[in-house]
Amino acid sequence: MSGSPAGDWPRVQVHPGAGVVDRRGDTLLVVPVLSASSTERVRELLELCHRQDPTGQARVHALQSLLGLRPSTELPGFALLIRTGHGLRILVHGPVRVLVDGRVPGHPGAVRSSDLVEHVVEDGAWSSVTVAVDGDGALPVVADVLSLDLETGSVPGAGVTLHRAPTGRAQQPPAQESGEAVPPATLATPASPTSTTMLRPAVRFRTVLLGQCAARAPEGQPPRGRRPPLPVAGEPGASAGGTRGPEVLVEGVQCTRGHFTDPDLPTCLTCGAPLLPAGRRVSLPRPPLGVLVTDGGTIYTVTGDFVIGREPEQAPDVLAGRARPLPLRDAARSTSRVHARLAVRGWKVLLSDDRSANGTFVSRHGAAGPWLPATPQTPVPLVHGDRVRLGRRQLLFDTWRETVVPQASE
């Protein structure tokens, strides 16, 4: 069975939750429940699902091999849906329930073991397929499911419902949710009828200049690479409140260009110049480690801890002056009052969820994901370019590296 084109997919409606829903090409992976100990296994599943598979069989064989190599308890419950030329192959592992038009499929396919069960659902024989965690609670009805249509990429979710359009009818994008204004320019306009991602659109962030550009401009001209600064929260003219916080002394080294930087890295954080292995360590005030750019355009310089959420101003750490507030709000109240925390420890910037309702997720590969969870128990060290998703809001962690210009020989 070979996969069908992505545009031939039914509409994919995502259930709210803190699991992972990933759709790429002819595959849809649903992991309804994630734990801190299962993130590496989920990475393996995502890599397996993203492989090219012209025959439609290689991924299934790789999945069976993965289940044979890993103890069943190490892998979270999941369902892998593969779009074929005439229907859906649904491979299920663990406590995951599949309903076809509200009923459990009667006869599994050829693959059936304690680790993996396969269902084959032919086109024309169903109008909806729901995948969710198996348990005592009732599955969500359509009215309680977010009106989203996942076209491609990874998003947080506890399950999906697939809706097959009647024959001869093109799928129409679902109605926009109230309280969420999506600019028309951010939505894709396909050449032929297909599903449209109705999640909050990803924002194109600009790199922010933190240091001085190393390339010197000719006399009387502005320095090359400089641009008007974006508004920084807590600075004059800023659109949000906050302070830079007290100076913190840290141990570091100075690179050959005089920048104070992390002694445990091979190159300077600011300019990228190699560091001398035997460089003398000194204690100086820690420089800014980067910026957080919100999807609304506000910039927060990372000089200390942050509390992030809908009402972070009321958090004890903010009231005591130990952290700065970073408010993220939207009409749907998708962020918790205290949603996540950013801690600066030495030269590291650590992000952790604070038991929020919708979870905190990090992507190192752009808006398409995969989005993996940050938990209270396992903070995620942020690096340049990381995107953070909190409910429907997004942040970008950005650092600035000066351009190292070699000196021309006389």
Protein backbone atom coordinates (compact mmCIF):
# COMPACT_ATOMS: atom_id res chain seq x y z
CA MET A 1 0.00 0.00 0.00
CA SER A 2 1.51 3.27 -1.00
CA GLY A 3 0.59 6.54 0.65
CA SER A 4 -1.86 9.01 -0.81
CA PRO A 5 -1.15 12.67 -1.45
CA ALA A 6 -1.42 14.87 1.62
CA GLY A 7 -4.29 16.83 0.08
CA ASP A 8 -6.43 13.65 0.04
CA TRP A 9 -6.56 13.58 3.84
CA PRO A 10 -9.85 13.98 5.72
CA ARG A 11 -10.18 17.03 7.95
CA VAL A 12 -8.11 16.47 11.12
CA GLN A 13 -9.73 17.96 14.21
CA VAL A 14 -7.36 18.13 17.22
CA HIS A 15 -8.59 17.42 20.75
CA PRO A 16 -7.15 19.80 23.37
CA GLY A 17 -4.50 18.31 25.63
CA ALA A 18 -0.80 17.99 26.38
CA GLY A 19 0.05 15.00 24.19
CA VAL A 20 1.46 15.20 20.65
CA VAL A 21 -0.35 15.13 17.31
CA ASP A 22 1.98 15.06 14.29
CA ARG A 23 0.88 15.01 10.66
CA ARG A 24 3.42 14.71 7.84
CA GLY A 25 2.60 13.62 4.30
CA ASP A 26 0.63 10.38 4.43
CA THR A 27 1.05 9.74 8.21
CA LEU A 28 -0.69 11.00 11.34
CA LEU A 29 0.87 10.11 14.71
CA VAL A 30 -1.22 10.57 17.87
CA VAL A 31 0.37 10.25 21.34
CA PRO A 32 -2.50 11.18 23.70
CA VAL A 33 -0.48 11.20 26.95
CA LEU A 34 3.17 12.20 27.44
CA SER A 35 5.39 11.75 30.47
CA ALA A 36 8.84 13.13 31.14
CA SER A 37 10.36 9.66 30.77
CA SER A 38 8.85 9.04 27.31
CA THR A 39 10.13 12.07 25.37
CA GLU A 40 13.10 10.20 23.85
CA ARG A 41 10.84 7.36 22.70
CA VAL A 42 8.48 9.91 21.13
CA ARG A 43 11.45 11.36 19.24
CA GLU A 44 12.13 7.87 17.84
CA LEU A 45 8.49 7.52 16.77
CA LEU A 46 8.55 10.92 15.04
CA GLU A 47 11.76 10.10 13.18
CA LEU A 48 10.29 6.77 12.10
CA CYS A 49 7.08 8.38 10.82
CA HIS A 50 8.96 11.06 8.86
CA ARG A 51 10.91 8.52 6.78
CA GLN A 52 10.31 8.30 3.04
CA ASP A 53 8.35 5.12 2.32
CA PRO A 54 7.33 4.63 -1.34
CA THR A 55 6.02 1.08 -0.69
CA GLY A 56 4.01 1.95 2.41
CA GLN A 57 5.49 -1.04 4.27
CA ALA A 58 8.93 0.10 5.50
CA ARG A 59 7.56 2.26 8.34
CA VAL A 60 5.30 -0.56 9.54
CA HIS A 61 8.23 -2.98 9.64
CA ALA A 62 10.39 -0.37 11.41
CA LEU A 63 7.62 0.18 13.95
CA GLN A 64 7.39 -3.55 14.64
CA SER A 65 11.17 -3.67 15.07
CA LEU A 66 11.08 -0.72 17.47
CA LEU A 67 8.43 -2.45 19.58
CA GLY A 68 10.62 -5.56 19.61
CA LEU A 69 13.71 -3.65 20.71
CA ARG A 70 12.10 -1.51 23.39
CA PRO A 71 10.21 -2.84 26.43
CA SER A 72 6.52 -2.20 25.99
CA THR A 73 6.48 -0.07 29.14
CA GLU A 74 9.04 2.38 27.69
CA LEU A 75 6.82 3.43 24.80
CA PRO A 76 3.75 5.58 25.45
CA GLY A 77 0.41 4.62 23.99
CA PHE A 78 0.09 5.82 20.40
CA ALA A 79 -1.80 5.42 17.16
CA LEU A 80 -0.16 5.73 13.74
CA LEU A 81 -2.58 6.41 10.89
CA ILE A 82 -1.30 5.91 7.34
CA ARG A 83 -3.35 7.25 4.44
CA THR A 84 -3.47 4.65 1.65
CA GLY A 85 -4.95 4.80 -1.80
CA HIS A 86 -8.26 3.40 -0.60
CA GLY A 87 -8.53 4.09 3.12
CA LEU A 88 -6.66 4.26 6.41
CA ARG A 89 -4.29 1.85 8.12
CA ILE A 90 -4.47 2.42 11.88
CA LEU A 91 -1.69 0.89 14.01
CA VAL A 92 -2.38 1.04 17.75
CA HIS A 93 -0.10 0.43 20.72
CA GLY A 94 -1.02 0.70 24.38
CA PRO A 95 -4.06 2.34 26.01
CA VAL A 96 -5.41 4.13 22.93
CA ARG A 97 -8.99 3.80 21.74
CA VAL A 98 -10.13 4.02 18.12
CA LEU A 99 -13.79 4.59 17.22
CA VAL A 100 -15.15 4.44 13.68
CA ASP A 101 -18.46 6.32 13.50
CA GLY A 102 -18.71 5.95 17.28
CA ARG A 103 -18.04 2.19 17.36
CA VAL A 104 -14.97 0.05 18.02
CA PRO A 105 -13.81 -1.62 14.77
CA GLY A 106 -14.91 -5.24 14.77
CA HIS A 107 -12.03 -7.02 13.08
CA PRO A 108 -8.38 -6.04 13.36
CA GLY A 109 -6.17 -6.56 10.35
CA ALA A 110 -3.33 -9.02 9.88
CA VAL A 111 -1.07 -7.56 12.57
CA ARG A 112 -2.20 -8.44 16.06
CA SER A 113 -0.04 -8.98 19.12
CA SER A 114 0.28 -7.78 22.69
CA ASP A 115 2.19 -4.75 21.39
CA LEU A 116 0.51 -3.72 18.14
CA VAL A 117 -2.97 -3.97 16.62
CA GLU A 118 -3.86 -2.91 13.08
CA HIS A 119 -7.24 -1.77 11.78
CA VAL A 120 -7.93 -1.15 8.10
CA VAL A 121 -10.74 1.30 7.39
CA GLU A 122 -11.79 1.51 3.74
CA ASP A 123 -13.00 4.75 2.14
CA GLY A 124 -16.77 4.97 1.75
CA ALA A 125 -17.35 2.85 4.85
CA TRP A 126 -16.96 5.64 7.43
CA SER A 127 -17.62 9.33 8.01
CA SER A 128 -15.57 9.93 11.22
CA VAL A 129 -12.68 8.27 13.04
CA THR A 130 -11.75 9.27 16.59
CA VAL A 131 -8.45 8.46 18.33
CA ALA A 132 -8.03 9.21 22.05
CA VAL A 133 -6.66 7.75 25.25
CA ASP A 134 -8.44 4.61 26.41
CA GLY A 135 -9.93 4.92 29.89
CA ASP A 136 -13.08 5.11 31.94
CA GLY A 137 -14.01 8.61 30.81
CA ALA A 138 -16.17 9.23 27.77
CA LEU A 139 -14.50 10.44 24.59
CA PRO A 140 -15.08 14.11 23.75
CA VAL A 141 -17.97 14.87 21.46
CA VAL A 142 -17.38 17.03 18.41
CA ALA A 143 -18.91 20.10 20.07
CA ASP A 144 -16.26 19.93 22.79
CA VAL A 145 -13.33 19.60 20.40
CA LEU A 146 -11.36 22.62 19.26
CA SER A 147 -12.41 23.64 15.76
CA LEU A 148 -8.96 23.10 14.25
CA ASP A 149 -7.87 21.43 11.02
CA LEU A 150 -4.27 20.25 11.15
CA GLU A 151 -2.72 20.43 7.70
CA THR A 152 0.85 19.59 8.62
CA GLY A 153 3.29 19.78 11.53
CA SER A 154 3.24 18.94 15.25
CA VAL A 155 0.82 20.42 17.78
CA PRO A 156 -0.14 19.63 21.38
CA GLY A 157 -3.23 17.45 21.59
CA ALA A 158 -4.86 14.55 23.42
CA GLY A 159 -6.38 12.96 20.32
CA VAL A 160 -8.00 13.62 16.96
CA THR A 161 -11.26 13.20 15.09
CA LEU A 162 -11.08 12.71 11.34
CA HIS A 163 -14.05 13.88 9.26
CA ARG A 164 -14.44 12.48 5.79
CA ALA A 165 -16.02 14.94 3.33
CA PRO A 166 -18.94 13.55 1.30
CA THR A 167 -17.99 12.46 -2.21
CA GLY A 168 -17.90 15.36 -4.64
CA ARG A 169 -17.76 18.05 -1.95
CA ALA A 170 -14.58 19.99 -1.32
CA GLN A 171 -13.64 20.43 2.30
CA GLN A 172 -14.20 23.93 3.60
CA PRO A 173 -12.13 25.47 6.38
CA PRO A 174 -13.97 25.41 9.72
CA ALA A 175 -15.49 28.59 11.06
CA GLN A 176 -13.07 30.84 12.93
CA GLU A 177 -13.37 30.66 16.68
CA SER A 178 -14.71 33.72 18.42
CA GLY A 179 -12.16 35.90 20.17
CA GLU A 180 -9.29 34.86 17.88
CA ALA A 181 -8.62 37.24 15.00
CA VAL A 182 -6.42 35.65 12.34
CA PRO A 183 -5.17 38.09 9.71
CA PRO A 184 -6.19 36.87 6.24
CA ALA A 185 -2.63 37.25 4.95
CA THR A 186 -1.37 34.58 7.35
CA LEU A 187 -3.61 31.82 5.99
CA ALA A 188 -2.40 29.72 3.10
CA THR A 189 -4.42 29.90 -0.13
CA PRO A 190 -3.97 26.53 -1.86
CA ALA A 191 -4.36 26.13 -5.58
CA SER A 192 -6.80 23.26 -5.08
CA PRO A 193 -9.25 22.44 -2.25
CA THR A 194 -7.38 21.09 0.77
CA SER A 195 -7.40 21.38 4.53
CA THR A 196 -6.20 24.62 6.11
CA THR A 197 -4.33 24.88 9.40
CA MET A 198 -6.51 26.96 11.72
CA LEU A 199 -4.04 27.13 14.58
CA ARG A 200 -2.62 30.47 15.65
CA PRO A 201 -0.31 31.45 12.77
CA ALA A 202 3.42 31.35 13.39
CA VAL A 203 5.06 34.76 13.55
CA ARG A 204 8.16 35.58 11.52
CA PHE A 205 10.60 36.85 14.13
CA ARG A 206 13.45 39.24 13.49
CA THR A 207 16.90 38.77 14.97
CA VAL A 208 17.62 41.40 17.60
CA LEU A 209 20.98 43.10 17.97
CA LEU A 210 22.33 42.65 21.49
CA GLY A 211 25.97 43.60 20.98
CA GLN A 212 27.92 45.94 18.77
CA CYS A 213 28.56 44.76 15.22
CA ALA A 214 32.21 43.86 14.74
CA ALA A 215 32.24 45.15 11.16
CA ARG A 216 33.18 48.80 11.25
CA ALA A 217 31.55 51.14 8.74
CA PRO A 218 33.36 53.91 6.86
CA GLU A 219 33.59 57.27 8.59
CA GLY A 220 30.29 59.15 8.63
CA GLN A 221 28.12 56.11 7.79
CA PRO A 222 25.96 54.10 10.23
CA PRO A 223 27.48 50.82 11.44
CA ARG A 224 26.73 47.93 9.12
CA GLY A 225 24.17 45.48 10.46
CA ARG A 226 22.57 47.97 12.84
CA ARG A 227 18.80 48.48 12.80
CA PRO A 228 16.38 50.51 14.91
CA PRO A 229 15.85 48.62 18.17
CA LEU A 230 12.56 46.85 18.82
CA PRO A 231 10.64 47.79 22.00
CA VAL A 232 12.13 46.10 25.05
CA ALA A 233 9.87 45.50 28.05
CA GLY A 234 10.98 47.52 31.06
CA GLU A 235 13.01 50.00 29.01
CA PRO A 236 11.97 53.60 28.13
CA GLY A 237 9.12 53.52 25.65
CA ALA A 238 8.37 49.87 26.29
CA SER A 239 4.85 48.51 25.99
CA ALA A 240 5.11 46.23 29.02
CA GLY A 241 6.36 46.65 32.54
CA GLY A 242 9.33 45.11 34.26
CA THR A 243 12.89 45.77 35.36
CA ARG A 244 16.23 44.31 34.44
CA GLY A 245 16.80 43.03 37.96
CA PRO A 246 19.97 43.16 40.07
CA GLU A 247 23.37 42.39 38.60
CA VAL A 248 24.54 38.81 39.19
CA LEU A 249 28.23 37.91 39.34
CA VAL A 250 29.21 34.78 37.42
CA GLU A 251 32.50 33.12 36.64
CA GLY A 252 33.59 33.40 33.02
CA VAL A 253 36.42 34.14 30.63
CA GLN A 254 37.15 36.91 28.17
CA CYS A 255 37.57 36.05 24.51
CA THR A 256 40.29 37.54 22.31
CA ARG A 257 37.92 40.39 21.39
CA GLY A 258 37.28 41.24 25.05
CA HIS A 259 33.78 39.77 25.45
CA PHE A 260 32.92 38.20 28.82
CA THR A 261 31.47 34.78 28.06
CA ASP A 262 30.65 31.22 29.18
CA PRO A 263 33.88 29.41 30.12
CA ASP A 264 32.46 25.97 29.33
CA LEU A 265 31.91 26.69 25.62
CA PRO A 266 34.53 26.36 22.89
CA THR A 267 33.57 29.70 21.30
CA CYS A 268 32.44 33.11 22.51
CA LEU A 269 28.68 33.56 22.93
CA THR A 270 28.86 37.09 21.50
CA CYS A 271 31.20 36.89 18.52
CA GLY A 272 31.91 33.19 18.00
CA ALA A 273 35.67 33.59 18.34
CA PRO A 274 37.47 30.47 19.67
CA LEU A 275 38.24 30.53 23.38
CA LEU A 276 41.68 29.75 24.74
CA PRO A 277 41.61 26.46 26.72
CA ALA A 278 43.74 27.96 29.50
CA GLY A 279 41.93 31.29 29.65
CA ARG A 280 41.95 32.92 33.08
CA ARG A 281 38.56 32.82 34.79
CA VAL A 282 37.19 35.96 36.40
CA SER A 283 33.94 36.89 38.18
CA LEU A 284 32.03 39.76 36.54
CA PRO A 285 28.37 40.84 36.19
CA ARG A 286 26.59 38.43 33.89
CA PRO A 287 25.68 39.98 30.50
CA PRO A 288 22.23 39.47 28.92
CA LEU A 289 21.93 35.89 27.67
CA GLY A 290 19.43 36.66 24.92
CA VAL A 291 15.90 37.94 24.41
CA LEU A 292 12.41 36.49 24.46
CA VAL A 293 10.31 37.82 21.57
CA THR A 294 6.53 37.38 21.94
CA ASP A 295 4.26 36.78 18.97
CA GLY A 296 2.90 40.27 19.67
CA GLY A 297 6.32 41.84 19.07
CA THR A 298 7.37 42.67 22.66
CA ILE A 299 10.95 41.85 23.63
CA TYR A 300 12.16 40.83 27.08
CA THR A 301 15.90 40.89 27.74
CA VAL A 302 16.95 37.72 29.57
CA THR A 303 18.99 38.93 32.54
CA GLY A 304 17.23 36.89 35.22
CA ASP A 305 14.22 34.71 36.04
CA PHE A 306 10.72 35.15 34.54
CA VAL A 307 7.25 33.96 35.46
CA ILE A 308 5.15 33.54 32.29
CA GLY A 309 1.36 33.37 32.12
CA ARG A 310 -1.96 35.15 32.05
CA GLU A 311 -1.48 36.84 35.46
CA PRO A 312 2.21 36.45 36.36
CA GLU A 313 2.23 39.71 38.33
CA GLN A 314 0.57 37.89 41.26
CA ALA A 315 3.11 35.08 41.49
CA PRO A 316 5.00 34.99 44.83
CA ASP A 317 8.41 35.12 43.10
CA VAL A 318 7.37 38.27 41.21
CA LEU A 319 5.92 39.94 44.31
CA ALA A 320 9.14 39.14 46.21
CA GLY A 321 11.31 40.57 43.41
CA ARG A 322 12.95 37.25 42.57
CA ALA A 323 11.53 37.14 39.02
CA ARG A 324 10.04 39.42 36.39
CA PRO A 325 6.52 38.95 34.98
CA LEU A 326 6.03 38.09 31.31
CA PRO A 327 2.29 38.35 30.61
CA LEU A 328 0.83 36.29 27.75
CA ARG A 329 -2.91 36.65 27.26
CA ASP A 330 -5.43 35.86 24.52
CA ALA A 331 -9.19 36.02 24.21
CA ALA A 332 -9.57 32.25 24.63
CA ARG A 333 -7.62 32.32 27.96
CA SER A 334 -5.43 29.51 26.65
CA THR A 335 -2.60 30.36 29.06
CA SER A 336 -2.79 29.62 32.78
CA ARG A 337 -2.40 32.37 35.39
CA VAL A 338 1.10 31.06 36.07
CA HIS A 339 1.89 28.94 33.02
CA ALA A 340 5.68 28.49 32.89
CA ARG A 341 8.93 29.65 34.46
CA LEU A 342 12.23 30.73 32.98
CA ALA A 343 15.23 30.34 35.28
CA VAL A 344 18.72 31.67 34.61
CA ARG A 345 21.34 29.51 36.31
CA GLY A 346 24.91 30.50 35.64
CA TRP A 347 25.09 30.81 31.84
CA LYS A 348 22.07 28.57 31.16
CA VAL A 349 18.47 29.60 30.42
CA LEU A 350 16.08 26.87 31.64
CA LEU A 351 12.36 26.66 30.74
CA SER A 352 9.86 24.58 32.73
CA ASP A 353 6.09 24.21 32.75
CA ASP A 354 4.30 25.13 35.99
CA ARG A 355 1.54 22.49 35.80
CA SER A 356 -0.42 24.56 33.32
CA ALA A 357 -3.69 23.37 31.79
CA ASN A 358 -2.44 23.32 28.18
CA GLY A 359 1.24 22.52 28.68
CA THR A 360 4.48 24.16 27.54
CA PHE A 361 6.22 22.92 24.39
CA VAL A 362 9.54 23.65 22.68
CA SER A 363 10.50 23.27 19.00
CA ARG A 364 14.06 23.42 17.67
CA HIS A 365 12.93 23.05 14.05
CA GLY A 366 10.66 26.02 13.45
CA ALA A 367 6.89 26.32 13.60
CA ALA A 368 6.33 22.86 12.06
CA GLY A 369 7.83 21.13 15.11
CA PRO A 370 8.13 18.52 16.42
CA TRP A 371 6.92 20.19 19.62
CA LEU A 372 8.17 18.39 22.72
CA PRO A 373 7.03 19.13 26.27
CA ALA A 374 8.86 21.04 28.97
CA THR A 375 7.79 19.66 32.35
CA PRO A 376 8.20 20.84 35.96
CA GLN A 377 10.56 17.91 36.59
CA THR A 378 12.75 18.29 33.48
CA PRO A 379 13.47 21.94 32.53
CA VAL A 380 14.59 22.46 28.93
CA PRO A 381 17.78 24.49 28.31
CA LEU A 382 16.95 27.05 25.63
CA VAL A 383 19.30 27.67 22.72
CA HIS A 384 19.27 30.24 19.94
CA GLY A 385 16.21 29.89 17.71
CA ASP A 386 14.06 27.81 20.07
CA ARG A 387 10.32 28.42 19.76
CA VAL A 388 8.11 28.04 22.83
CA ARG A 389 4.36 27.36 22.65
CA LEU A 390 2.13 28.16 25.65
CA GLY A 391 -1.54 27.59 24.84
CA ARG A 392 -2.12 29.62 21.68
CA ARG A 393 0.77 31.98 22.31
CA GLN A 394 4.35 31.67 21.14
CA LEU A 395 7.76 33.00 22.15
CA LEU A 396 11.10 32.96 20.37
CA PHE A 397 14.38 32.74 22.26
CA ASP A 398 16.89 34.75 20.29
CA THR A 399 20.57 35.56 20.78
CA TRP A 400 22.79 37.83 18.78
CA ARG A 401 26.21 36.84 17.53
CA GLU A 402 28.41 39.54 16.08
CA THR A 403 29.86 39.06 12.63
CA VAL A 404 33.53 38.22 12.94
CA VAL A 405 35.29 40.13 10.16
CA PRO A 406 38.87 39.05 9.48
CA GLN A 407 41.34 41.90 9.54
CA ALA A 408 42.76 42.75 6.12
CA SER A 409 46.52 42.33 5.95
CA GLU A 410 48.52 45.50 5.39
